[in-house]
PDB file of N, CA and C in Angstrom:
ATOM      1  N   MET A   1       0.860  -1.176   0.000  1.00  0.00           N
ATOM      2  CA  MET A   1       0.000   0.000   0.000  1.00  0.00           C
ATOM      3  C   MET A   1       0.904   1.236   0.000  1.00  0.00           C
ATOM      4  N   ASN A   2       0.671   2.135  -0.968  1.00  0.00           N
ATOM      5  CA  ASN A   2       1.464   3.367  -0.995  1.00  0.00           C
ATOM      6  C   ASN A   2       0.778   4.450  -0.151  1.00  0.00           C
ATOM      7  N   ALA A   3       1.408   5.599  -0.057  1.00  0.00           N
ATOM      8  CA  ALA A   3       0.908   6.668   0.816  1.00  0.00           C
ATOM      9  C   ALA A   3      -0.474   7.151   0.393  1.00  0.00           C
ATOM     10  N   GLN A   4      -0.693   7.345  -0.905  1.00  0.00           N
ATOM     11  CA  GLN A   4      -1.998   7.827  -1.366  1.00  0.00           C
ATOM     12  C   GLN A   4      -3.084   6.798  -1.092  1.00  0.00           C
ATOM     13  N   GLN A   5      -2.783   5.525  -1.312  1.00  0.00           N
ATOM     14  CA  GLN A   5      -3.756   4.473  -1.017  1.00  0.00           C
ATOM     15  C   GLN A   5      -4.079   4.435   0.474  1.00  0.00           C
ATOM     16  N   LEU A   6      -3.068   4.634   1.304  1.00  0.00           N
ATOM     17  CA  LEU A   6      -3.275   4.669   2.751  1.00  0.00           C
ATOM     18  C   LEU A   6      -4.207   5.819   3.137  1.00  0.00           C
ATOM     19  N   ILE A   7      -3.957   6.997   2.588  1.00  0.00           N
ATOM     20  CA  ILE A   7      -4.811   8.158   2.875  1.00  0.00           C
ATOM     21  C   ILE A   7      -6.233   7.894   2.401  1.00  0.00           C
ATOM     22  N   ASP A   8      -6.381   7.353   1.189  1.00  0.00           N
ATOM     23  CA  ASP A   8      -7.714   7.054   0.653  1.00  0.00           C
ATOM     24  C   ASP A   8      -8.439   6.031   1.523  1.00  0.00           C
ATOM     25  N   ASP A   9      -7.715   4.997   1.960  1.00  0.00           N
ATOM     26  CA  ASP A   9      -8.307   3.966   2.808  1.00  0.00           C
ATOM     27  C   ASP A   9      -8.794   4.566   4.127  1.00  0.00           C
ATOM     28  N   LEU A  10      -7.963   5.389   4.740  1.00  0.00           N
ATOM     29  CA  LEU A  10      -8.355   6.004   6.010  1.00  0.00           C
ATOM     30  C   LEU A  10      -9.525   6.960   5.828  1.00  0.00           C
ATOM     31  N   ASN A  11      -9.520   7.738   4.735  1.00  0.00           N
ATOM     32  CA  ASN A  11     -10.652   8.635   4.463  1.00  0.00           C
ATOM     33  C   ASN A  11     -11.939   7.840   4.296  1.00  0.00           C
ATOM     34  N   ALA A  12     -11.860   6.706   3.587  1.00  0.00           N
ATOM     35  CA  ALA A  12     -13.044   5.871   3.375  1.00  0.00           C
ATOM     36  C   ALA A  12     -13.568   5.307   4.692  1.00  0.00           C
ATOM     37  N   ARG A  13     -12.699   5.163   5.673  1.00  0.00           N
ATOM     38  CA  ARG A  13     -13.098   4.639   6.987  1.00  0.00           C
ATOM     39  C   ARG A  13     -13.488   5.751   7.960  1.00  0.00           C
ATOM     40  N   GLY A  14     -13.562   6.989   7.452  1.00  0.00           N
ATOM     41  CA  GLY A  14     -14.015   8.107   8.276  1.00  0.00           C
ATOM     42  C   GLY A  14     -12.926   8.815   9.055  1.00  0.00           C
ATOM     43  N   VAL A  15     -11.668   8.569   8.695  1.00  0.00           N
ATOM     44  CA  VAL A  15     -10.552   9.215   9.388  1.00  0.00           C
ATOM     45  C   VAL A  15     -10.135  10.455   8.612  1.00  0.00           C
ATOM     46  N   ARG A  16     -10.043  11.571   9.295  1.00  0.00           N
ATOM     47  CA  ARG A  16      -9.574  12.827   8.687  1.00  0.00           C
ATOM     48  C   ARG A  16      -8.122  13.024   9.076  1.00  0.00           C
ATOM     49  N   LEU A  17      -7.254  13.188   8.081  1.00  0.00           N
ATOM     50  CA  LEU A  17      -5.828  13.414   8.311  1.00  0.00           C
ATOM     51  C   LEU A  17      -5.482  14.850   7.971  1.00  0.00           C
ATOM     52  N   TRP A  18      -4.542  15.432   8.723  1.00  0.00           N
ATOM     53  CA  TRP A  18      -4.018  16.743   8.367  1.00  0.00           C
ATOM     54  C   TRP A  18      -2.598  16.858   8.901  1.00  0.00           C
ATOM     55  N   ALA A  19      -1.858  17.786   8.309  1.00  0.00           N
ATOM     56  CA  ALA A  19      -0.483  18.041   8.738  1.00  0.00           C
ATOM     57  C   ALA A  19      -0.478  19.261   9.642  1.00  0.00           C
ATOM     58  N   GLU A  20       0.265  19.166  10.732  1.00  0.00           N
ATOM     59  CA  GLU A  20       0.355  20.285  11.672  1.00  0.00           C
ATOM     60  C   GLU A  20       1.770  20.331  12.238  1.00  0.00           C
ATOM     61  N   GLU A  21       2.493  21.396  11.904  1.00  0.00           N
ATOM     62  CA  GLU A  21       3.861  21.594  12.386  1.00  0.00           C
ATOM     63  C   GLU A  21       4.749  20.383  12.120  1.00  0.00           C
ATOM     64  N   GLY A  22       4.641  19.840  10.907  1.00  0.00           N
ATOM     65  CA  GLY A  22       5.486  18.720  10.513  1.00  0.00           C
ATOM     66  C   GLY A  22       5.066  17.373  11.067  1.00  0.00           C
ATOM     67  N   ARG A  23       3.899  17.310  11.668  1.00  0.00           N
ATOM     68  CA  ARG A  23       3.391  16.051  12.221  1.00  0.00           C
ATOM     69  C   ARG A  23       2.084  15.690  11.548  1.00  0.00           C
ATOM     70  N   ILE A  24       1.805  14.400  11.491  1.00  0.00           N
ATOM     71  CA  ILE A  24       0.538  13.920  10.944  1.00  0.00           C
ATOM     72  C   ILE A  24      -0.448  13.822  12.099  1.00  0.00           C
ATOM     73  N   ARG A  25      -1.556  14.502  11.970  1.00  0.00           N
ATOM     74  CA  ARG A  25      -2.617  14.472  12.975  1.00  0.00           C
ATOM     75  C   ARG A  25      -3.818  13.773  12.348  1.00  0.00           C
ATOM     76  N   PHE A  26      -4.653  13.174  13.166  1.00  0.00           N
ATOM     77  CA  PHE A  26      -5.839  12.508  12.633  1.00  0.00           C
ATOM     78  C   PHE A  26      -6.961  12.523  13.654  1.00  0.00           C
ATOM     79  N   ARG A  27      -8.163  12.379  13.135  1.00  0.00           N
ATOM     80  CA  ARG A  27      -9.357  12.261  13.968  1.00  0.00           C
ATOM     81  C   ARG A  27     -10.301  11.320  13.234  1.00  0.00           C
ATOM     82  N   GLY A  28     -10.865  10.381  13.957  1.00  0.00           N
ATOM     83  CA  GLY A  28     -11.778   9.441  13.324  1.00  0.00           C
ATOM     84  C   GLY A  28     -12.388   8.502  14.340  1.00  0.00           C
ATOM     85  N   PRO A  29     -13.157   7.552  13.846  1.00  0.00           N
ATOM     86  CA  PRO A  29     -13.805   6.596  14.737  1.00  0.00           C
ATOM     87  C   PRO A  29     -12.775   5.787  15.535  1.00  0.00           C
ATOM     88  N   ARG A  30     -13.109   5.500  16.757  1.00  0.00           N
ATOM     89  CA  ARG A  30     -12.219   4.740  17.641  1.00  0.00           C
ATOM     90  C   ARG A  30     -11.959   3.352  17.040  1.00  0.00           C
ATOM     91  N   GLY A  31     -10.706   2.936  17.075  1.00  0.00           N
ATOM     92  CA  GLY A  31     -10.340   1.597  16.634  1.00  0.00           C
ATOM     93  C   GLY A  31      -9.938   1.478  15.177  1.00  0.00           C
ATOM     94  N   VAL A  32     -10.192   2.506  14.380  1.00  0.00           N
ATOM     95  CA  VAL A  32      -9.833   2.435  12.959  1.00  0.00           C
ATOM     96  C   VAL A  32      -8.319   2.467  12.796  1.00  0.00           C
ATOM     97  N   ILE A  33      -7.649   3.314  13.566  1.00  0.00           N
ATOM     98  CA  ILE A  33      -6.184   3.398  13.497  1.00  0.00           C
ATOM     99  C   ILE A  33      -5.617   2.337  14.449  1.00  0.00           C
ATOM    100  N   ASP A  34      -5.439   1.129  13.921  1.00  0.00           N
ATOM    101  CA  ASP A  34      -4.856   0.058  14.724  1.00  0.00           C
ATOM    102  C   ASP A  34      -3.331   0.089  14.587  1.00  0.00           C
ATOM    103  N   ASP A  35      -2.665  -0.854  15.228  1.00  0.00           N
ATOM    104  CA  ASP A  35      -1.194  -0.868  15.207  1.00  0.00           C
ATOM    105  C   ASP A  35      -0.637  -1.005  13.793  1.00  0.00           C
ATOM    106  N   ASP A  36      -1.286  -1.826  12.955  1.00  0.00           N
ATOM    107  CA  ASP A  36      -0.808  -1.999  11.577  1.00  0.00           C
ATOM    108  C   ASP A  36      -0.901  -0.694  10.794  1.00  0.00           C
ATOM    109  N   ARG A  37      -2.002   0.022  10.947  1.00  0.00           N
ATOM    110  CA  ARG A  37      -2.155   1.292  10.221  1.00  0.00           C
ATOM    111  C   ARG A  37      -1.204   2.356  10.775  1.00  0.00           C
ATOM    112  N   ARG A  38      -0.988   2.351  12.073  1.00  0.00           N
ATOM    113  CA  ARG A  38      -0.008   3.286  12.656  1.00  0.00           C
ATOM    114  C   ARG A  38       1.375   3.041  12.059  1.00  0.00           C
ATOM    115  N   GLU A  39       1.738   1.779  11.905  1.00  0.00           N
ATOM    116  CA  GLU A  39       3.036   1.447  11.333  1.00  0.00           C
ATOM    117  C   GLU A  39       3.104   1.885   9.870  1.00  0.00           C
ATOM    118  N   LEU A  40       2.020   1.708   9.119  1.00  0.00           N
ATOM    119  CA  LEU A  40       1.989   2.174   7.724  1.00  0.00           C
ATOM    120  C   LEU A  40       2.150   3.691   7.659  1.00  0.00           C
ATOM    121  N   ILE A  41       1.482   4.392   8.558  1.00  0.00           N
ATOM    122  CA  ILE A  41       1.607   5.855   8.589  1.00  0.00           C
ATOM    123  C   ILE A  41       3.048   6.245   8.901  1.00  0.00           C
ATOM    124  N   ARG A  42       3.666   5.570   9.868  1.00  0.00           N
ATOM    125  CA  ARG A  42       5.069   5.862  10.201  1.00  0.00           C
ATOM    126  C   ARG A  42       5.986   5.584   9.009  1.00  0.00           C
ATOM    127  N   ARG A  43       5.758   4.463   8.344  1.00  0.00           N
ATOM    128  CA  ARG A  43       6.607   4.065   7.225  1.00  0.00           C
ATOM    129  C   ARG A  43       6.512   5.060   6.066  1.00  0.00           C
ATOM    130  N   HIS A  44       5.320   5.614   5.845  1.00  0.00           N
ATOM    131  CA  HIS A  44       5.092   6.531   4.720  1.00  0.00           C
ATOM    132  C   HIS A  44       4.987   7.985   5.180  1.00  0.00           C
ATOM    133  N   ARG A  45       5.524   8.292   6.348  1.00  0.00           N
ATOM    134  CA  ARG A  45       5.362   9.611   6.964  1.00  0.00           C
ATOM    135  C   ARG A  45       5.664  10.765   6.019  1.00  0.00           C
ATOM    136  N   ASP A  46       6.851  10.766   5.413  1.00  0.00           N
ATOM    137  CA  ASP A  46       7.246  11.890   4.560  1.00  0.00           C
ATOM    138  C   ASP A  46       6.334  12.031   3.348  1.00  0.00           C
ATOM    139  N   GLU A  47       5.960  10.887   2.753  1.00  0.00           N
ATOM    140  CA  GLU A  47       5.066  10.931   1.589  1.00  0.00           C
ATOM    141  C   GLU A  47       3.680  11.433   1.989  1.00  0.00           C
ATOM    142  N   VAL A  48       3.176  10.960   3.126  1.00  0.00           N
ATOM    143  CA  VAL A  48       1.852  11.393   3.599  1.00  0.00           C
ATOM    144  C   VAL A  48       1.863  12.889   3.888  1.00  0.00           C
ATOM    145  N   LEU A  49       2.913  13.371   4.545  1.00  0.00           N
ATOM    146  CA  LEU A  49       3.009  14.812   4.814  1.00  0.00           C
ATOM    147  C   LEU A  49       3.044  15.616   3.518  1.00  0.00           C
ATOM    148  N   ALA A  50       3.771  15.127   2.513  1.00  0.00           N
ATOM    149  CA  ALA A  50       3.835  15.834   1.229  1.00  0.00           C
ATOM    150  C   ALA A  50       2.468  15.867   0.561  1.00  0.00           C
ATOM    151  N   ILE A  51       1.753  14.755   0.582  1.00  0.00           N
ATOM    152  CA  ILE A  51       0.419  14.700  -0.036  1.00  0.00           C
ATOM    153  C   ILE A  51      -0.541  15.618   0.705  1.00  0.00           C
ATOM    154  N   LEU A  52      -0.528  15.564   2.034  1.00  0.00           N
ATOM    155  CA  LEU A  52      -1.419  16.432   2.813  1.00  0.00           C
ATOM    156  C   LEU A  52      -1.092  17.898   2.573  1.00  0.00           C
ATOM    157  N   GLY A  53       0.190  18.216   2.448  1.00  0.00           N
ATOM    158  CA  GLY A  53       0.591  19.595   2.167  1.00  0.00           C
ATOM    159  C   GLY A  53       0.112  20.067   0.813  1.00  0.00           C
ATOM    160  N   ARG A  54       0.163  19.182  -0.182  1.00  0.00           N
ATOM    161  CA  ARG A  54      -0.338  19.558  -1.515  1.00  0.00           C
ATOM    162  C   ARG A  54      -1.852  19.722  -1.487  1.00  0.00           C
ATOM    163  N   GLN A  55      -2.542  18.866  -0.727  1.00  0.00           N
ATOM    164  CA  GLN A  55      -4.000  18.942  -0.669  1.00  0.00           C
ATOM    165  C   GLN A  55      -4.478  20.229  -0.022  1.00  0.00           C
ATOM    166  N   ASP A  56      -3.788  20.669   1.023  1.00  0.00           N
ATOM    167  CA  ASP A  56      -4.244  21.901   1.680  1.00  0.00           C
ATOM    168  C   ASP A  56      -3.547  23.142   1.149  1.00  0.00           C
ATOM    169  N   GLY A  57      -2.664  22.944   0.158  1.00  0.00           N
ATOM    170  CA  GLY A  57      -2.032  24.084  -0.499  1.00  0.00           C
ATOM    171  C   GLY A  57      -0.861  24.685   0.246  1.00  0.00           C
ATOM    172  N   THR A  58      -0.314  23.953   1.227  1.00  0.00           N
ATOM    173  CA  THR A  58       0.781  24.519   2.005  1.00  0.00           C
ATOM    174  C   THR A  58       2.107  23.809   1.813  1.00  0.00           C
ATOM    175  N   GLY A  59       2.085  22.601   1.277  1.00  0.00           N
ATOM    176  CA  GLY A  59       3.309  21.810   1.197  1.00  0.00           C
ATOM    177  C   GLY A  59       4.093  22.030  -0.074  1.00  0.00           C
ATOM    178  N   PRO A  60       5.241  21.325  -0.188  1.00  0.00           N
ATOM    179  CA  PRO A  60       6.045  21.423  -1.402  1.00  0.00           C
ATOM    180  C   PRO A  60       5.234  20.952  -2.602  1.00  0.00           C
ATOM    181  N   GLY A  61       5.357  21.637  -3.689  1.00  0.00           N
ATOM    182  CA  GLY A  61       4.598  21.282  -4.884  1.00  0.00           C
ATOM    183  C   GLY A  61       3.257  21.984  -4.975  1.00  0.00           C
ATOM    184  N   ALA A  62       2.837  22.630  -3.900  1.00  0.00           N
ATOM    185  CA  ALA A  62       1.586  23.385  -3.939  1.00  0.00           C
ATOM    186  C   ALA A  62       1.838  24.685  -4.691  1.00  0.00           C
ATOM    187  N   PRO A  63       0.868  25.109  -5.487  1.00  0.00           N
ATOM    188  CA  PRO A  63       1.074  26.349  -6.233  1.00  0.00           C
ATOM    189  C   PRO A  63       1.169  27.553  -5.307  1.00  0.00           C
ATOM    190  N   ASP A  64       1.966  28.514  -5.705  1.00  0.00           N
ATOM    191  CA  ASP A  64       2.082  29.761  -4.955  1.00  0.00           C
ATOM    192  C   ASP A  64       0.851  30.600  -5.268  1.00  0.00           C
ATOM    193  N   PRO A  65      -0.023  30.847  -4.286  1.00  0.00           N
ATOM    194  CA  PRO A  65      -1.255  31.573  -4.575  1.00  0.00           C
ATOM    195  C   PRO A  65      -1.020  33.006  -5.031  1.00  0.00           C
ATOM    196  N   GLY A  66       0.155  33.559  -4.763  1.00  0.00           N
ATOM    197  CA  GLY A  66       0.435  34.932  -5.162  1.00  0.00           C
ATOM    198  C   GLY A  66       1.159  35.046  -6.485  1.00  0.00           C
ATOM    199  N   ALA A  67       1.481  33.913  -7.105  1.00  0.00           N
ATOM    200  CA  ALA A  67       2.239  33.943  -8.355  1.00  0.00           C
ATOM    201  C   ALA A  67       1.303  34.150  -9.539  1.00  0.00           C
ATOM    202  N   ALA A  68       1.594  35.148 -10.351  1.00  0.00           N
ATOM    203  CA  ALA A  68       0.802  35.413 -11.551  1.00  0.00           C
ATOM    204  C   ALA A  68       1.246  34.476 -12.663  1.00  0.00           C
ATOM    205  N   ASP A  69       0.296  34.055 -13.482  1.00  0.00           N
ATOM    206  CA  ASP A  69       0.599  33.204 -14.627  1.00  0.00           C
ATOM    207  C   ASP A  69      -0.183  33.740 -15.821  1.00  0.00           C
ATOM    208  N   PRO A  70       0.323  34.802 -16.461  1.00  0.00           N
ATOM    209  CA  PRO A  70      -0.407  35.418 -17.564  1.00  0.00           C
ATOM    210  C   PRO A  70      -0.712  34.457 -18.704  1.00  0.00           C
ATOM    211  N   ALA A  71       0.147  33.477 -18.933  1.00  0.00           N
ATOM    212  CA  ALA A  71      -0.082  32.533 -20.028  1.00  0.00           C
ATOM    213  C   ALA A  71      -1.328  31.685 -19.782  1.00  0.00           C
ATOM    214  N   ALA A  72      -1.683  31.480 -18.529  1.00  0.00           N
ATOM    215  CA  ALA A  72      -2.844  30.653 -18.203  1.00  0.00           C
ATOM    216  C   ALA A  72      -4.033  31.493 -17.743  1.00  0.00           C
ATOM    217  N   ALA A  73      -4.022  32.766 -18.059  1.00  0.00           N
ATOM    218  CA  ALA A  73      -5.080  33.660 -17.578  1.00  0.00           C
ATOM    219  C   ALA A  73      -6.473  33.226 -18.023  1.00  0.00           C
ATOM    220  N   HIS A  74      -6.586  32.613 -19.187  1.00  0.00           N
ATOM    221  CA  HIS A  74      -7.900  32.219 -19.704  1.00  0.00           C
ATOM    222  C   HIS A  74      -8.053  30.707 -19.768  1.00  0.00           C
ATOM    223  N   ALA A  75      -7.175  29.995 -19.103  1.00  0.00           N
ATOM    224  CA  ALA A  75      -7.243  28.534 -19.093  1.00  0.00           C
ATOM    225  C   ALA A  75      -8.347  28.079 -18.142  1.00  0.00           C
ATOM    226  N   PRO A  76      -8.965  26.935 -18.431  1.00  0.00           N
ATOM    227  CA  PRO A  76      -9.987  26.415 -17.514  1.00  0.00           C
ATOM    228  C   PRO A  76      -9.372  26.067 -16.160  1.00  0.00           C
ATOM    229  N   PHE A  77     -10.171  26.124 -15.131  1.00  0.00           N
ATOM    230  CA  PHE A  77      -9.717  25.782 -13.788  1.00  0.00           C
ATOM    231  C   PHE A  77     -10.876  25.110 -13.067  1.00  0.00           C
ATOM    232  N   PRO A  78     -10.582  24.315 -12.048  1.00  0.00           N
ATOM    233  CA  PRO A  78     -11.655  23.610 -11.349  1.00  0.00           C
ATOM    234  C   PRO A  78     -12.546  24.578 -10.569  1.00  0.00           C
ATOM    235  N   LEU A  79     -13.821  24.232 -10.497  1.00  0.00           N
ATOM    236  CA  LEU A  79     -14.764  25.035  -9.723  1.00  0.00           C
ATOM    237  C   LEU A  79     -14.552  24.798  -8.236  1.00  0.00           C
ATOM    238  N   THR A  80     -14.874  25.790  -7.443  1.00  0.00           N
ATOM    239  CA  THR A  80     -14.855  25.604  -5.991  1.00  0.00           C
ATOM    240  C   THR A  80     -16.069  24.766  -5.604  1.00  0.00           C
ATOM    241  N   ALA A  81     -16.113  24.316  -4.365  1.00  0.00           N
ATOM    242  CA  ALA A  81     -17.240  23.515  -3.896  1.00  0.00           C
ATOM    243  C   ALA A  81     -18.550  24.298  -4.004  1.00  0.00           C
ATOM    244  N   VAL A  82     -18.525  25.569  -3.682  1.00  0.00           N
ATOM    245  CA  VAL A  82     -19.739  26.392  -3.753  1.00  0.00           C
ATOM    246  C   VAL A  82     -20.177  26.565  -5.206  1.00  0.00           C
ATOM    247  N   GLN A  83     -19.233  26.820  -6.106  1.00  0.00           N
ATOM    248  CA  GLN A  83     -19.573  26.968  -7.518  1.00  0.00           C
ATOM    249  C   GLN A  83     -20.166  25.673  -8.067  1.00  0.00           C
ATOM    250  N   THR A  84     -19.608  24.545  -7.668  1.00  0.00           N
ATOM    251  CA  THR A  84     -20.129  23.256  -8.108  1.00  0.00           C
ATOM    252  C   THR A  84     -21.549  23.059  -7.599  1.00  0.00           C
ATOM    253  N   ALA A  85     -21.805  23.431  -6.354  1.00  0.00           N
ATOM    254  CA  ALA A  85     -23.148  23.298  -5.792  1.00  0.00           C
ATOM    255  C   ALA A  85     -24.150  24.156  -6.558  1.00  0.00           C
ATOM    256  N   TYR A  86     -23.765  25.387  -6.896  1.00  0.00           N
ATOM    257  CA  TYR A  86     -24.655  26.241  -7.681  1.00  0.00           C
ATOM    258  C   TYR A  86     -24.924  25.628  -9.049  1.00  0.00           C
ATOM    259  N   LEU A  87     -23.886  25.121  -9.691  1.00  0.00           N
ATOM    260  CA  LEU A  87     -24.029  24.544 -11.021  1.00  0.00           C
ATOM    261  C   LEU A  87     -24.942  23.323 -10.991  1.00  0.00           C
ATOM    262  N   LEU A  88     -24.713  22.416 -10.048  1.00  0.00           N
ATOM    263  CA  LEU A  88     -25.525  21.207  -9.967  1.00  0.00           C
ATOM    264  C   LEU A  88     -26.941  21.516  -9.499  1.00  0.00           C
ATOM    265  N   GLY A  89     -27.101  22.523  -8.658  1.00  0.00           N
ATOM    266  CA  GLY A  89     -28.426  22.886  -8.167  1.00  0.00           C
ATOM    267  C   GLY A  89     -29.342  23.409  -9.253  1.00  0.00           C
ATOM    268  N   ARG A  90     -28.773  23.891 -10.343  1.00  0.00           N
ATOM    269  CA  ARG A  90     -29.587  24.424 -11.439  1.00  0.00           C
ATOM    270  C   ARG A  90     -30.141  23.324 -12.327  1.00  0.00           C
ATOM    271  N   THR A  91     -29.630  22.099 -12.202  1.00  0.00           N
ATOM    272  CA  THR A  91     -30.111  21.007 -13.050  1.00  0.00           C
ATOM    273  C   THR A  91     -31.322  20.347 -12.402  1.00  0.00           C
ATOM    274  N   ASP A  92     -32.031  19.562 -13.182  1.00  0.00           N
ATOM    275  CA  ASP A  92     -33.168  18.810 -12.657  1.00  0.00           C
ATOM    276  C   ASP A  92     -32.746  17.420 -12.184  1.00  0.00           C
ATOM    277  N   ALA A  93     -31.449  17.209 -11.997  1.00  0.00           N
ATOM    278  CA  ALA A  93     -30.931  15.904 -11.589  1.00  0.00           C
ATOM    279  C   ALA A  93     -31.282  15.574 -10.141  1.00  0.00           C
ATOM    280  N   TYR A  94     -31.671  16.560  -9.363  1.00  0.00           N
ATOM    281  CA  TYR A  94     -31.973  16.363  -7.951  1.00  0.00           C
ATOM    282  C   TYR A  94     -33.411  16.785  -7.678  1.00  0.00           C
ATOM    283  N   PRO A  95     -34.057  16.164  -6.678  1.00  0.00           N
ATOM    284  CA  PRO A  95     -35.463  16.479  -6.410  1.00  0.00           C
ATOM    285  C   PRO A  95     -35.737  17.964  -6.185  1.00  0.00           C
ATOM    286  N   TYR A  96     -34.853  18.661  -5.517  1.00  0.00           N
ATOM    287  CA  TYR A  96     -35.077  20.078  -5.248  1.00  0.00           C
ATOM    288  C   TYR A  96     -34.244  20.953  -6.171  1.00  0.00           C
ATOM    289  N   GLY A  97     -33.768  20.400  -7.273  1.00  0.00           N
ATOM    290  CA  GLY A  97     -32.933  21.154  -8.204  1.00  0.00           C
ATOM    291  C   GLY A  97     -33.779  21.998  -9.140  1.00  0.00           C
ATOM    292  N   GLY A  98     -33.147  22.501 -10.177  1.00  0.00           N
ATOM    293  CA  GLY A  98     -33.845  23.278 -11.177  1.00  0.00           C
ATOM    294  C   GLY A  98     -34.014  24.742 -10.822  1.00  0.00           C
ATOM    295  N   VAL A  99     -33.319  25.200  -9.820  1.00  0.00           N
ATOM    296  CA  VAL A  99     -33.421  26.611  -9.446  1.00  0.00           C
ATOM    297  C   VAL A  99     -32.031  27.223  -9.377  1.00  0.00           C
ATOM    298  N   ALA A 100     -31.959  28.475  -9.721  1.00  0.00           N
ATOM    299  CA  ALA A 100     -30.692  29.193  -9.613  1.00  0.00           C
ATOM    300  C   ALA A 100     -30.551  29.732  -8.197  1.00  0.00           C
ATOM    301  N   CYS A 101     -29.385  30.134  -7.858  1.00  0.00           N
ATOM    302  CA  CYS A 101     -29.151  30.748  -6.554  1.00  0.00           C
ATOM    303  C   CYS A 101     -29.841  32.107  -6.524  1.00  0.00           C
ATOM    304  N   SER A 102     -30.446  32.414  -5.413  1.00  0.00           N
ATOM    305  CA  SER A 102     -31.047  33.735  -5.271  1.00  0.00           C
ATOM    306  C   SER A 102     -30.743  34.247  -3.872  1.00  0.00           C
ATOM    307  N   ALA A 103     -30.819  35.522  -3.725  1.00  0.00           N
ATOM    308  CA  ALA A 103     -30.569  36.131  -2.423  1.00  0.00           C
ATOM    309  C   ALA A 103     -31.575  37.250  -2.209  1.00  0.00           C
ATOM    310  N   ASP A 104     -31.988  37.421  -0.986  1.00  0.00           N
ATOM    311  CA  ASP A 104     -32.903  38.499  -0.622  1.00  0.00           C
ATOM    312  C   ASP A 104     -32.163  39.468   0.284  1.00  0.00           C
ATOM    313  N   LEU A 105     -32.537  40.708   0.175  1.00  0.00           N
ATOM    314  CA  LEU A 105     -31.926  41.733   1.008  1.00  0.00           C
ATOM    315  C   LEU A 105     -33.041  42.599   1.571  1.00  0.00           C
ATOM    316  N   ASP A 106     -33.108  42.681   2.868  1.00  0.00           N
ATOM    317  CA  ASP A 106     -34.090  43.535   3.536  1.00  0.00           C
ATOM    318  C   ASP A 106     -33.357  44.734   4.108  1.00  0.00           C
ATOM    319  N   LEU A 107     -33.869  45.895   3.833  1.00  0.00           N
ATOM    320  CA  LEU A 107     -33.289  47.126   4.353  1.00  0.00           C
ATOM    321  C   LEU A 107     -34.303  47.802   5.262  1.00  0.00           C
ATOM    322  N   SER A 108     -33.816  48.389   6.301  1.00  0.00           N
ATOM    323  CA  SER A 108     -34.698  49.182   7.158  1.00  0.00           C
ATOM    324  C   SER A 108     -33.958  50.454   7.529  1.00  0.00           C
ATOM    325  N   TRP A 109     -34.719  51.505   7.709  1.00  0.00           N
ATOM    326  CA  TRP A 109     -34.140  52.784   8.090  1.00  0.00           C
ATOM    327  C   TRP A 109     -35.161  53.538   8.922  1.00  0.00           C
ATOM    328  N   PRO A 110     -34.721  54.528   9.652  1.00  0.00           N
ATOM    329  CA  PRO A 110     -35.645  55.284  10.508  1.00  0.00           C
ATOM    330  C   PRO A 110     -36.745  55.952   9.672  1.00  0.00           C
ATOM    331  N   ALA A 111     -37.914  56.083  10.270  1.00  0.00           N
ATOM    332  CA  ALA A 111     -39.052  56.689   9.575  1.00  0.00           C
ATOM    333  C   ALA A 111     -38.777  58.129   9.187  1.00  0.00           C
ATOM    334  N   SER A 112     -37.863  58.771   9.870  1.00  0.00           N
ATOM    335  CA  SER A 112     -37.573  60.173   9.567  1.00  0.00           C
ATOM    336  C   SER A 112     -36.694  60.337   8.327  1.00  0.00           C
ATOM    337  N   THR A 113     -36.238  59.238   7.734  1.00  0.00           N
ATOM    338  CA  THR A 113     -35.383  59.318   6.545  1.00  0.00           C
ATOM    339  C   THR A 113     -36.210  59.776   5.350  1.00  0.00           C
ATOM    340  N   ASP A 114     -35.677  60.687   4.579  1.00  0.00           N
ATOM    341  CA  ASP A 114     -36.347  61.185   3.379  1.00  0.00           C
ATOM    342  C   ASP A 114     -36.019  60.243   2.216  1.00  0.00           C
ATOM    343  N   PRO A 115     -36.996  59.426   1.739  1.00  0.00           N
ATOM    344  CA  PRO A 115     -36.713  58.453   0.680  1.00  0.00           C
ATOM    345  C   PRO A 115     -36.292  59.100  -0.642  1.00  0.00           C
ATOM    346  N   ALA A 116     -36.747  60.302  -0.905  1.00  0.00           N
ATOM    347  CA  ALA A 116     -36.394  60.968  -2.161  1.00  0.00           C
ATOM    348  C   ALA A 116     -34.937  61.401  -2.152  1.00  0.00           C
ATOM    349  N   ARG A 117     -34.397  61.607  -1.009  1.00  0.00           N
ATOM    350  CA  ARG A 117     -33.025  62.067  -0.883  1.00  0.00           C
ATOM    351  C   ARG A 117     -32.125  60.910  -1.089  1.00  0.00           C
TER     352      ARG A 117
END
């Protein structure tokens, strides 16, 4: 089992992994991280930390968020989770789908305010 397979396996079992100050931290159901899995995590420590760093955008190989790339200014890019939700919500693929995002805004002001002004 390689590092990515280990991370995928743990995620499938409900374990959340993250890197914190050069250490691998985790939270999940009791008993999922047994001695064998702990040993796998230790064995693949550096690879797991690198993968977690790339996933959260902080590790080596993660793109520099402040770096401009004019050549790719009009290139396609992945949607954020919110953008994906809006896109899928507009389809009829889901029971409550078929609607666009909308927002309401209520304003109130003192009665002494001159509306014409």
